[in-house]
Amino acid sequence: MNAAIRALTRKAIHEGFEVFGIERGYLGIMEEQFVPLANRSVGGIITQGGTMLKTARFPEFQNEDVQRKAYDILKAHNIDHLIVIGGDGSMRGAMSLAKLGMSTMTIPCTIDNDMGGTQYTIGFDTALNTVVDAVGRIRDTSNSHERVAIVEVMGRKAGHIALKAGLACGAEIVLVPENPMPLHEVCRHLKETQIRGKEYSVILVAEGAYNSGEVKSFIKEHTEFDPSLTVLGYLQRGGGPSAFDAILSARMSETCIELLMNGTDNRLIGYIDGHIRAISYQEAESLVFPINEKDYTLLSILSS
């Protein structure tokens, strides 16, 4: 998020806007946590993970009375445009404010890569690289000890991280929410790979596919393997952005500010087929990019 905050701030200032950051998201609006931003105040943050503005969950924002109060607070502070950086919930908040008359834009930012209206969200590539690096280290250990390694990665509704990481690091099995392989099939696959001479395997489990502890127990009960289990958890959320994410942040931010200058608002700034596009919120909700089934087929071939 910091790369996007930096790019938005500097592009907006360059075009003559006065810029304020809101600490802790929608909660920060209600608490009036408005912070003036300048070129120097966002200096050096492009290589830092996370967000200098902090973040907070605020489920109360689903209440229409709370939304109305937030709108009134924004207007009282003379905020003309609200740029939201976040995932589906953040975009829905922006949509609610737009219905009240607020000029909004949304920059998609979630490591799960599960937002409509864009093929890539800021943070996904960074998390993917982190997972690939971690799994590579785990694979080295599994190879040495001739063990099955289960690695749980994020992906509650979508298996983008698990599938792409599986392709990149050569995982033998990937379990995703969209198409979870039955566990008895997992065991059969492990036994077949052992017969072919492979004494270790890596299984990537997206958190929304199965409980990884149950996968471990099932394999131990139905095979001779005693898998190790690693839950990467918040490791995937940290660290500075990849080059791809930093560049994507810059390009999305540039487009966002230029659209506002031209009178276009209430859009998601998406990345589709290599191009930055402005997508209406309604279209973004319906324009979903699922995992690539060809990738899943390719993974099966390459892991044989």
Protein backbone atom coordinates (compact mmCIF):
# COMPACT_ATOMS: atom_id res chain seq x y z
CA MET A 1 0.00 0.00 0.00
CA ASN A 2 2.84 2.41 0.74
CA ALA A 3 3.95 2.43 -2.90
CA ALA A 4 0.42 3.45 -3.91
CA ILE A 5 0.17 6.09 -1.16
CA ARG A 6 3.45 7.61 -2.35
CA ALA A 7 2.47 7.60 -6.03
CA LEU A 8 -1.03 8.99 -5.41
CA THR A 9 0.30 11.74 -3.17
CA ARG A 10 3.04 12.93 -5.49
CA LYS A 11 0.96 12.70 -8.67
CA ALA A 12 -1.93 14.57 -7.03
CA ILE A 13 0.33 17.31 -5.67
CA HIS A 14 1.97 17.63 -9.08
CA GLU A 15 -1.48 18.27 -10.56
CA GLY A 16 -2.35 20.91 -7.96
CA PHE A 17 -4.38 18.93 -5.43
CA GLU A 18 -4.08 19.29 -1.68
CA VAL A 19 -3.68 15.80 -0.24
CA PHE A 20 -4.71 14.31 3.10
CA GLY A 21 -4.23 10.78 4.34
CA ILE A 22 -6.85 9.19 6.57
CA GLU A 23 -5.38 6.96 9.25
CA ARG A 24 -7.04 3.57 9.89
CA GLY A 25 -9.43 3.65 6.95
CA TYR A 26 -13.16 4.12 7.46
CA LEU A 27 -12.70 4.14 11.23
CA GLY A 28 -10.34 7.05 10.74
CA ILE A 29 -13.02 9.01 8.91
CA MET A 30 -15.37 8.63 11.86
CA GLU A 31 -12.61 9.65 14.28
CA GLU A 32 -11.50 12.47 11.94
CA GLN A 33 -7.92 11.25 11.71
CA PHE A 34 -6.95 13.41 8.73
CA VAL A 35 -3.22 13.89 8.12
CA PRO A 36 -1.78 16.39 5.58
CA LEU A 37 0.53 14.65 3.10
CA ALA A 38 3.38 16.24 1.18
CA ASN A 39 6.11 15.00 -1.14
CA ARG A 40 8.54 14.66 1.74
CA SER A 41 6.12 12.94 4.10
CA VAL A 42 5.86 10.00 1.70
CA GLY A 43 9.58 9.91 0.96
CA GLY A 44 11.29 6.56 1.45
CA ILE A 45 8.12 4.52 1.90
CA ILE A 46 8.14 2.90 -1.54
CA THR A 47 10.35 0.05 -0.28
CA GLN A 48 8.40 -0.46 2.95
CA GLY A 49 5.66 -3.04 3.34
CA GLY A 50 2.31 -2.30 4.96
CA THR A 51 0.81 1.17 5.13
CA MET A 52 2.07 4.32 6.81
CA LEU A 53 -1.57 5.29 7.35
CA LYS A 54 -2.28 2.10 9.34
CA THR A 55 -5.44 0.09 8.86
CA ALA A 56 -8.35 -1.13 10.95
CA ARG A 57 -11.43 -3.29 10.58
CA PHE A 58 -14.66 -1.33 10.97
CA PRO A 59 -17.70 -3.56 10.34
CA GLU A 60 -19.99 -0.80 11.62
CA PHE A 61 -19.45 0.96 8.30
CA GLN A 62 -22.04 -1.37 6.77
CA ASN A 63 -24.67 0.65 8.67
CA GLU A 64 -26.28 3.32 6.49
CA ASP A 65 -26.39 5.83 9.35
CA VAL A 66 -22.64 5.42 9.83
CA GLN A 67 -22.09 5.88 6.10
CA ARG A 68 -24.13 9.07 6.14
CA LYS A 69 -22.14 10.42 9.08
CA ALA A 70 -18.88 9.57 7.30
CA TYR A 71 -20.08 11.44 4.23
CA ASP A 72 -20.95 14.47 6.36
CA ILE A 73 -17.52 14.39 8.02
CA LEU A 74 -15.74 14.23 4.67
CA LYS A 75 -17.72 17.21 3.39
CA ALA A 76 -17.09 19.13 6.61
CA HIS A 77 -13.36 18.69 5.97
CA ASN A 78 -13.80 19.89 2.37
CA ILE A 79 -12.75 16.54 0.90
CA ASP A 80 -13.66 16.56 -2.80
CA HIS A 81 -12.41 13.09 -3.73
CA LEU A 82 -11.84 9.96 -1.64
CA ILE A 83 -9.35 7.41 -2.97
CA VAL A 84 -9.69 4.04 -1.28
CA ILE A 85 -6.86 1.49 -1.33
CA GLY A 86 -7.96 -2.01 -0.38
CA GLY A 87 -9.98 -5.11 -1.16
CA ASP A 88 -13.63 -5.99 -1.74
CA GLY A 89 -14.84 -4.60 1.58
CA SER A 90 -13.03 -1.33 0.99
CA MET A 91 -14.56 -1.03 -2.47
CA ARG A 92 -18.04 -1.67 -1.10
CA GLY A 93 -17.49 1.16 1.36
CA ALA A 94 -16.50 3.44 -1.51
CA MET A 95 -19.62 2.39 -3.41
CA SER A 96 -21.80 3.28 -0.43
CA LEU A 97 -20.26 6.74 -0.19
CA ALA A 98 -20.59 7.21 -3.95
CA LYS A 99 -24.33 6.57 -3.68
CA LEU A 100 -24.51 9.42 -1.17
CA GLY A 101 -22.79 11.76 -3.62
CA MET A 102 -19.12 11.39 -2.70
CA SER A 103 -16.57 11.31 -5.51
CA THR A 104 -14.55 8.13 -4.99
CA MET A 105 -11.97 5.90 -6.65
CA THR A 106 -10.66 2.48 -5.60
CA ILE A 107 -7.15 1.11 -6.04
CA PRO A 108 -7.30 -2.71 -5.68
CA CYS A 109 -4.89 -3.94 -3.05
CA THR A 110 -5.09 -7.43 -1.55
CA ILE A 111 -2.62 -10.30 -1.57
CA ASP A 112 -5.40 -12.82 -2.33
CA ASN A 113 -5.88 -11.34 -5.83
CA ASP A 114 -9.61 -12.06 -5.53
CA MET A 115 -11.19 -8.74 -6.55
CA GLY A 116 -13.41 -8.34 -9.56
CA GLY A 117 -12.47 -5.89 -12.31
CA THR A 118 -8.76 -6.64 -12.32
CA GLN A 119 -6.45 -9.54 -13.10
CA TYR A 120 -3.84 -8.36 -10.62
CA THR A 121 -4.19 -6.57 -7.31
CA ILE A 122 -1.37 -4.69 -5.62
CA GLY A 123 0.32 -6.99 -3.13
CA PHE A 124 -0.35 -10.28 -4.89
CA ASP A 125 2.97 -10.50 -6.71
CA THR A 126 4.89 -9.56 -3.57
CA ALA A 127 3.12 -12.23 -1.53
CA LEU A 128 3.64 -14.75 -4.32
CA ASN A 129 7.39 -14.14 -4.33
CA THR A 130 7.49 -14.50 -0.55
CA VAL A 131 5.66 -17.83 -0.72
CA VAL A 132 7.88 -19.16 -3.50
CA ASP A 133 11.00 -18.28 -1.51
CA ALA A 134 9.64 -19.91 1.66
CA VAL A 135 8.50 -23.07 -0.12
CA GLY A 136 11.88 -23.37 -1.80
CA ARG A 137 13.53 -23.49 1.61
CA ILE A 138 10.99 -26.00 2.90
CA ARG A 139 11.50 -28.16 -0.19
CA ASP A 140 15.25 -28.32 0.51
CA THR A 141 14.54 -29.69 3.98
CA SER A 142 11.89 -32.13 2.76
CA ASN A 143 14.26 -33.43 0.12
CA SER A 144 16.99 -34.02 2.68
CA HIS A 145 14.68 -35.80 5.12
CA GLU A 146 12.59 -37.54 2.44
CA ARG A 147 9.32 -36.21 3.86
CA VAL A 148 6.04 -34.84 2.65
CA ALA A 149 5.72 -31.13 3.44
CA ILE A 150 2.36 -29.38 3.73
CA VAL A 151 2.45 -25.60 3.40
CA GLU A 152 -0.65 -23.52 4.10
CA VAL A 153 -0.91 -20.23 2.23
CA MET A 154 -3.51 -17.49 2.18
CA GLY A 155 -6.51 -17.71 -0.10
CA ARG A 156 -9.85 -17.92 1.68
CA LYS A 157 -12.04 -17.60 -1.42
CA ALA A 158 -9.53 -17.96 -4.25
CA GLY A 159 -6.47 -20.10 -4.82
CA HIS A 160 -4.38 -17.70 -6.89
CA ILE A 161 -1.40 -17.67 -4.50
CA ALA A 162 -1.38 -21.44 -4.05
CA LEU A 163 -1.69 -22.23 -7.76
CA LYS A 164 0.84 -19.70 -9.03
CA ALA A 165 3.29 -20.57 -6.26
CA GLY A 166 2.81 -24.25 -7.01
CA LEU A 167 3.78 -23.69 -10.63
CA ALA A 168 6.73 -21.50 -9.70
CA CYS A 169 8.24 -23.79 -7.08
CA GLY A 170 7.31 -27.19 -8.48
CA ALA A 171 4.81 -28.33 -5.87
CA GLU A 172 3.48 -31.85 -6.36
CA ILE A 173 -0.07 -31.08 -5.18
CA VAL A 174 -2.02 -27.82 -4.85
CA LEU A 175 -5.35 -27.65 -3.03
CA VAL A 176 -7.51 -24.62 -3.84
CA PRO A 177 -11.04 -23.57 -2.79
CA GLU A 178 -12.31 -23.57 -6.37
CA ASN A 179 -11.43 -27.21 -7.01
CA PRO A 180 -10.26 -29.02 -3.86
CA MET A 181 -8.86 -32.44 -4.68
CA PRO A 182 -10.49 -35.11 -2.47
CA LEU A 183 -8.07 -36.15 0.27
CA HIS A 184 -8.17 -39.82 -0.73
CA GLU A 185 -6.94 -38.66 -4.16
CA VAL A 186 -4.12 -36.76 -2.46
CA CYS A 187 -3.06 -39.96 -0.72
CA ARG A 188 -3.26 -41.95 -3.94
CA HIS A 189 -1.10 -39.37 -5.71
CA LEU A 190 1.51 -39.48 -2.95
CA LYS A 191 1.69 -43.27 -3.11
CA GLU A 192 2.06 -43.19 -6.89
CA THR A 193 4.88 -40.66 -6.76
CA GLN A 194 6.63 -42.82 -4.17
CA ILE A 195 6.37 -45.85 -6.47
CA ARG A 196 7.96 -43.75 -9.23
CA GLY A 197 10.93 -43.12 -6.95
CA LYS A 198 10.12 -39.73 -5.46
CA GLU A 199 10.70 -39.80 -1.71
CA TYR A 200 9.43 -36.31 -0.90
CA SER A 201 6.55 -34.08 -1.98
CA VAL A 202 5.33 -30.55 -1.35
CA ILE A 203 1.61 -29.90 -0.93
CA LEU A 204 0.34 -26.32 -1.03
CA VAL A 205 -3.00 -25.76 0.70
CA ALA A 206 -4.95 -22.53 0.24
CA GLU A 207 -6.57 -21.77 3.59
CA GLY A 208 -10.05 -21.84 2.06
CA ALA A 209 -9.66 -25.32 0.55
CA TYR A 210 -9.09 -27.43 3.66
CA ASN A 211 -7.97 -27.16 7.24
CA SER A 212 -4.29 -27.93 6.76
CA GLY A 213 -4.12 -29.76 10.09
CA GLU A 214 -6.85 -32.12 8.90
CA VAL A 215 -4.94 -32.71 5.67
CA LYS A 216 -1.88 -33.67 7.70
CA SER A 217 -3.89 -36.03 9.91
CA PHE A 218 -5.64 -37.67 6.96
CA ILE A 219 -2.39 -38.35 5.12
CA LYS A 220 -0.75 -39.73 8.25
CA GLU A 221 -3.71 -42.04 8.86
CA HIS A 222 -4.04 -43.35 5.31
CA THR A 223 -0.40 -43.56 4.18
CA GLU A 224 3.00 -44.29 5.67
CA PHE A 225 3.94 -40.62 5.40
CA ASP A 226 4.13 -38.33 8.43
CA PRO A 227 3.95 -34.86 6.83
CA SER A 228 5.45 -31.71 8.25
CA LEU A 229 3.12 -28.71 8.38
CA THR A 230 4.08 -25.07 7.93
CA VAL A 231 1.53 -22.25 8.09
CA LEU A 232 3.07 -19.19 6.44
CA GLY A 233 0.37 -16.86 7.81
CA TYR A 234 1.26 -13.19 8.12
CA LEU A 235 4.71 -13.76 6.66
CA GLN A 236 2.95 -13.37 3.31
CA ARG A 237 1.72 -9.87 4.16
CA GLY A 238 5.05 -8.30 5.06
CA GLY A 239 8.09 -7.03 3.22
CA GLY A 240 8.74 -4.39 0.60
CA PRO A 241 6.91 -4.59 -2.72
CA SER A 242 8.17 -6.54 -5.70
CA ALA A 243 9.21 -4.52 -8.74
CA PHE A 244 5.95 -5.53 -10.44
CA ASP A 245 3.83 -4.29 -7.53
CA ALA A 246 5.75 -1.02 -7.21
CA ILE A 247 5.32 -0.30 -10.92
CA LEU A 248 1.66 -1.38 -10.84
CA SER A 249 1.08 1.02 -7.93
CA ALA A 250 2.62 3.88 -9.88
CA ARG A 251 0.63 3.20 -13.05
CA MET A 252 -2.70 2.74 -11.26
CA SER A 253 -2.14 5.89 -9.22
CA GLU A 254 -1.28 7.93 -12.29
CA THR A 255 -4.45 6.79 -14.06
CA CYS A 256 -6.56 7.43 -10.97
CA ILE A 257 -5.49 11.06 -10.61
CA GLU A 258 -5.75 11.78 -14.33
CA LEU A 259 -9.30 10.43 -14.40
CA LEU A 260 -10.31 12.63 -11.48
CA MET A 261 -8.82 15.64 -13.26
CA ASN A 262 -10.99 14.82 -16.28
CA GLY A 263 -14.16 14.52 -14.22
CA THR A 264 -14.36 10.72 -14.09
CA ASP A 265 -14.93 9.13 -10.70
CA ASN A 266 -16.50 6.19 -8.88
CA ARG A 267 -14.32 3.65 -10.63
CA LEU A 268 -12.04 0.76 -9.77
CA ILE A 269 -8.62 1.10 -11.37
CA GLY A 270 -8.00 -2.36 -12.81
CA TYR A 271 -5.23 -4.18 -14.64
CA ILE A 272 -6.51 -6.25 -17.56
CA ASP A 273 -4.41 -7.86 -20.30
CA GLY A 274 -1.46 -5.61 -19.56
CA HIS A 275 -3.43 -2.36 -19.57
CA ILE A 276 -4.69 -0.09 -16.79
CA ARG A 277 -8.45 0.34 -17.09
CA ALA A 278 -11.14 2.28 -15.24
CA ILE A 279 -13.98 -0.09 -14.37
CA SER A 280 -17.33 1.00 -12.97
CA TYR A 281 -18.05 -0.44 -9.55
CA GLN A 282 -21.02 -2.35 -10.93
CA GLU A 283 -18.91 -3.91 -13.68
CA ALA A 284 -16.10 -4.69 -11.26
CA GLU A 285 -18.45 -6.70 -9.07
CA SER A 286 -19.44 -8.94 -11.98
CA LEU A 287 -16.15 -9.06 -13.93
CA VAL A 288 -14.45 -11.89 -12.06
CA PHE A 289 -11.17 -13.51 -13.11
CA PRO A 290 -11.06 -17.08 -11.72
CA ILE A 291 -7.96 -19.21 -11.40
CA ASN A 292 -6.62 -20.43 -14.72
CA GLU A 293 -7.68 -24.06 -15.17
CA LYS A 294 -4.90 -24.48 -17.74
CA ASP A 295 -2.41 -23.68 -14.98
CA TYR A 296 -3.95 -26.42 -12.85
CA THR A 297 -3.64 -28.91 -15.70
CA LEU A 298 -0.05 -27.85 -16.39
CA LEU A 299 0.82 -28.26 -12.72
CA SER A 300 -0.47 -31.84 -12.81
CA ILE A 301 1.70 -32.62 -15.84
CA LEU A 302 4.86 -31.01 -14.48
CA SER A 303 4.56 -32.60 -11.03
CA SER A 304 4.37 -36.15 -12.38
